[in-house]
């Protein structure tokens, strides 16, 4: 946001200070500056746009409530992202969507390759990930996108490491099937 008095961009430090003081204008600026990127994060965890919007709103309420605890060490955007991801995780923990997978299913999908995603646009990938069940989608995002370990996922979601591993394995297998179906469908469309 350009400061009308000085015609300059508001610095991140001034933005944080203004939000700590509860200034609505600064809160609006912070939201406008980061909401589009964070909405993309929410979409990866949500089944639909409305659910992503709910997670985004809940996450930004937490950002505004916790902004005084930001130590100004490291990336401010990264700090916001962590709050949004944790909000998405909490959202799904409340709904307890995680589905146990049998050992046989885990062995069936364990060896699948996942490089086919390279052929898709980001919006296509998000659309396919949204088709996963909430449990699979959450573990997939936490492990593949956010970089959590299975131990961390098990602690955050209250599941065993084995369940986390099997959820990820099954999510990859389902995604691989969805990707192949998507690519085959695109091949059959005129003009492809």
Foldseek 3Di string as FASTA:
>chain_A
DQDVVVRHDDDPVNLLVCLLVVPPVSLVVVCVVQVVVLLLVLLLLALDSVSSVVLSVVLSVVCSVCSVVPPPPDDPSVVSNVSSLLSSLVVCLVVVQQDADDPVLLVVQVPDDQPLCVPDDPVVLSNLLSPDGNNLSSLQCCCVPVNDQLVVVCVSNVHDSVSSSSSPSVSSVSSVVVSVVVVVVVVPDPPD
